[in-house]
Amino acid sequence: MTLLLKDPAALLDYAVDWGADYLNEDEIVTSTWSVEPDEPGGLAVISSEFGLLGTSVKVGGGVVGRLYRLANHVRFVTQREDTRSILLRVEDR
């Protein structure tokens, strides 16, 4: 899991390269992003995209001093599923 800093006013993009690890000609068919904790004024998913081997998300907001888990859950053509997470700490920068 990666830990990154984010300003609450920043609108930032994050990506996961699923093809770099083990896909071996498999392809992503669905991708969903979630944030924990889910709270008013907290980190919010603005938009997301995915391709055959990678996913991306745009996030905004967040409460200063809070730690958020931004998780990407994908399903592949072969019906395999997996989740990768990014930890974001929100701080005034």
C-alpha atoms as a PDB file:
ATOM      1  CA  MET A   1       0.000   0.000   0.000  1.00  0.00           C
ATOM      2  CA  THR A   2       1.291   3.437  -0.924  1.00  0.00           C
ATOM      3  CA  LEU A   3       1.018   6.471   1.435  1.00  0.00           C
ATOM      4  CA  LEU A   4       0.680   9.871  -0.236  1.00  0.00           C
ATOM      5  CA  LEU A   5      -0.083  13.410   0.981  1.00  0.00           C
ATOM      6  CA  LYS A   6      -2.953  15.456  -0.438  1.00  0.00           C
ATOM      7  CA  ASP A   7      -4.067  19.041   0.146  1.00  0.00           C
ATOM      8  CA  PRO A   8      -7.828  19.326   0.796  1.00  0.00           C
ATOM      9  CA  ALA A   9      -8.155  21.901  -2.018  1.00  0.00           C
ATOM     10  CA  ALA A  10      -6.298  19.752  -4.575  1.00  0.00           C
ATOM     11  CA  LEU A  11      -8.074  17.804  -7.302  1.00  0.00           C
ATOM     12  CA  LEU A  12      -5.659  14.954  -8.118  1.00  0.00           C
ATOM     13  CA  ASP A  13      -5.421  11.877 -10.339  1.00  0.00           C
ATOM     14  CA  TYR A  14      -4.157   8.476  -9.169  1.00  0.00           C
ATOM     15  CA  ALA A  15      -3.619   5.330 -11.233  1.00  0.00           C
ATOM     16  CA  VAL A  16      -3.083   1.601 -10.830  1.00  0.00           C
ATOM     17  CA  ASP A  17      -1.151  -0.351 -13.482  1.00  0.00           C
ATOM     18  CA  TRP A  18      -2.692  -3.808 -13.196  1.00  0.00           C
ATOM     19  CA  GLY A  19      -0.802  -5.161 -16.208  1.00  0.00           C
ATOM     20  CA  ALA A  20       2.605  -4.801 -14.577  1.00  0.00           C
ATOM     21  CA  ASP A  21       2.029  -7.629 -12.117  1.00  0.00           C
ATOM     22  CA  TYR A  22       0.344 -10.770 -13.308  1.00  0.00           C
ATOM     23  CA  LEU A  23      -2.378 -10.300 -15.912  1.00  0.00           C
ATOM     24  CA  ASN A  24      -0.739 -12.400 -18.654  1.00  0.00           C
ATOM     25  CA  GLU A  25      -3.180 -11.439 -21.417  1.00  0.00           C
ATOM     26  CA  ASP A  26      -6.124 -11.050 -19.010  1.00  0.00           C
ATOM     27  CA  GLU A  27      -8.150  -7.816 -19.269  1.00  0.00           C
ATOM     28  CA  ILE A  28     -10.100  -5.612 -16.880  1.00  0.00           C
ATOM     29  CA  VAL A  29     -13.875  -5.666 -17.424  1.00  0.00           C
ATOM     30  CA  THR A  30     -15.055  -3.654 -14.392  1.00  0.00           C
ATOM     31  CA  SER A  31     -13.406  -1.174 -12.052  1.00  0.00           C
ATOM     32  CA  THR A  32     -14.876   0.503  -8.976  1.00  0.00           C
ATOM     33  CA  TRP A  33     -13.272   2.923  -6.516  1.00  0.00           C
ATOM     34  CA  SER A  34     -14.234   3.415  -2.880  1.00  0.00           C
ATOM     35  CA  VAL A  35     -13.091   5.661  -0.022  1.00  0.00           C
ATOM     36  CA  GLU A  36     -12.877   4.763   3.673  1.00  0.00           C
ATOM     37  CA  PRO A  37     -13.956   6.418   5.805  1.00  0.00           C
ATOM     38  CA  ASP A  38     -16.925   7.705   3.840  1.00  0.00           C
ATOM     39  CA  GLU A  39     -17.800  10.937   5.647  1.00  0.00           C
ATOM     40  CA  PRO A  40     -19.328  14.374   4.944  1.00  0.00           C
ATOM     41  CA  GLY A  41     -16.610  16.710   3.641  1.00  0.00           C
ATOM     42  CA  GLY A  42     -14.245  13.776   3.261  1.00  0.00           C
ATOM     43  CA  LEU A  43     -12.237  12.542   0.308  1.00  0.00           C
ATOM     44  CA  ALA A  44     -14.512  12.135  -2.721  1.00  0.00           C
ATOM     45  CA  VAL A  45     -14.209  10.255  -6.004  1.00  0.00           C
ATOM     46  CA  ILE A  46     -14.921  12.794  -8.770  1.00  0.00           C
ATOM     47  CA  SER A  47     -14.482  10.508 -11.786  1.00  0.00           C
ATOM     48  CA  SER A  48     -12.797   7.270 -12.823  1.00  0.00           C
ATOM     49  CA  GLU A  49     -11.725   5.420 -15.964  1.00  0.00           C
ATOM     50  CA  PHE A  50     -10.262   2.062 -16.892  1.00  0.00           C
ATOM     51  CA  GLY A  51      -8.652   0.377 -19.856  1.00  0.00           C
ATOM     52  CA  LEU A  52      -7.568  -3.167 -20.574  1.00  0.00           C
ATOM     53  CA  LEU A  53      -4.648  -3.108 -18.117  1.00  0.00           C
ATOM     54  CA  GLY A  54      -4.980   0.016 -15.978  1.00  0.00           C
ATOM     55  CA  THR A  55      -7.333   2.187 -13.950  1.00  0.00           C
ATOM     56  CA  SER A  56      -7.377   5.830 -12.862  1.00  0.00           C
ATOM     57  CA  VAL A  57      -9.383   8.011 -10.521  1.00  0.00           C
ATOM     58  CA  LYS A  58      -9.749  11.736  -9.824  1.00  0.00           C
ATOM     59  CA  VAL A  59     -10.317  12.665  -6.171  1.00  0.00           C
ATOM     60  CA  GLY A  60     -10.936  15.881  -4.297  1.00  0.00           C
ATOM     61  CA  GLY A  61     -11.628  17.176  -0.809  1.00  0.00           C
ATOM     62  CA  GLY A  62     -10.730  15.548   2.458  1.00  0.00           C
ATOM     63  CA  VAL A  63     -10.563  16.611   6.093  1.00  0.00           C
ATOM     64  CA  VAL A  64      -7.176  17.931   7.261  1.00  0.00           C
ATOM     65  CA  GLY A  65      -5.428  15.421   9.517  1.00  0.00           C
ATOM     66  CA  ARG A  66      -7.448  12.440   8.298  1.00  0.00           C
ATOM     67  CA  LEU A  67      -6.094   9.271   6.709  1.00  0.00           C
ATOM     68  CA  TYR A  68      -8.167   7.788   3.877  1.00  0.00           C
ATOM     69  CA  ARG A  69      -8.010   4.453   2.104  1.00  0.00           C
ATOM     70  CA  LEU A  70      -8.700   4.829  -1.626  1.00  0.00           C
ATOM     71  CA  ALA A  71      -9.397   1.320  -2.945  1.00  0.00           C
ATOM     72  CA  ASN A  72      -9.707   0.068  -6.529  1.00  0.00           C
ATOM     73  CA  HIS A  73     -11.584  -3.200  -7.012  1.00  0.00           C
ATOM     74  CA  VAL A  74     -11.391  -4.808 -10.452  1.00  0.00           C
ATOM     75  CA  ARG A  75     -12.815  -7.878 -12.167  1.00  0.00           C
ATOM     76  CA  PHE A  76     -11.060  -9.481 -15.130  1.00  0.00           C
ATOM     77  CA  VAL A  77     -12.285 -11.375 -18.210  1.00  0.00           C
ATOM     78  CA  THR A  78     -11.330 -14.629 -16.472  1.00  0.00           C
ATOM     79  CA  GLN A  79     -13.623 -13.682 -13.546  1.00  0.00           C
ATOM     80  CA  ARG A  80     -10.656 -13.173 -11.220  1.00  0.00           C
ATOM     81  CA  GLU A  81     -11.029 -10.200  -8.850  1.00  0.00           C
ATOM     82  CA  ASP A  82      -8.552  -8.116  -6.863  1.00  0.00           C
ATOM     83  CA  THR A  83      -8.280  -4.872  -4.896  1.00  0.00           C
ATOM     84  CA  ARG A  84      -5.400  -2.415  -4.584  1.00  0.00           C
ATOM     85  CA  SER A  85      -5.305   0.467  -2.114  1.00  0.00           C
ATOM     86  CA  ILE A  86      -3.675   3.873  -1.796  1.00  0.00           C
ATOM     87  CA  LEU A  87      -3.477   5.618   1.569  1.00  0.00           C
ATOM     88  CA  LEU A  88      -3.953   9.383   1.430  1.00  0.00           C
ATOM     89  CA  ARG A  89      -3.228  11.669   4.363  1.00  0.00           C
ATOM     90  CA  VAL A  90      -4.851  15.081   3.966  1.00  0.00           C
ATOM     91  CA  GLU A  91      -2.712  18.027   5.071  1.00  0.00           C
ATOM     92  CA  ASP A  92      -2.595  21.724   4.231  1.00  0.00           C
ATOM     93  CA  ARG A  93       0.339  22.012   1.850  1.00  0.00           C
END
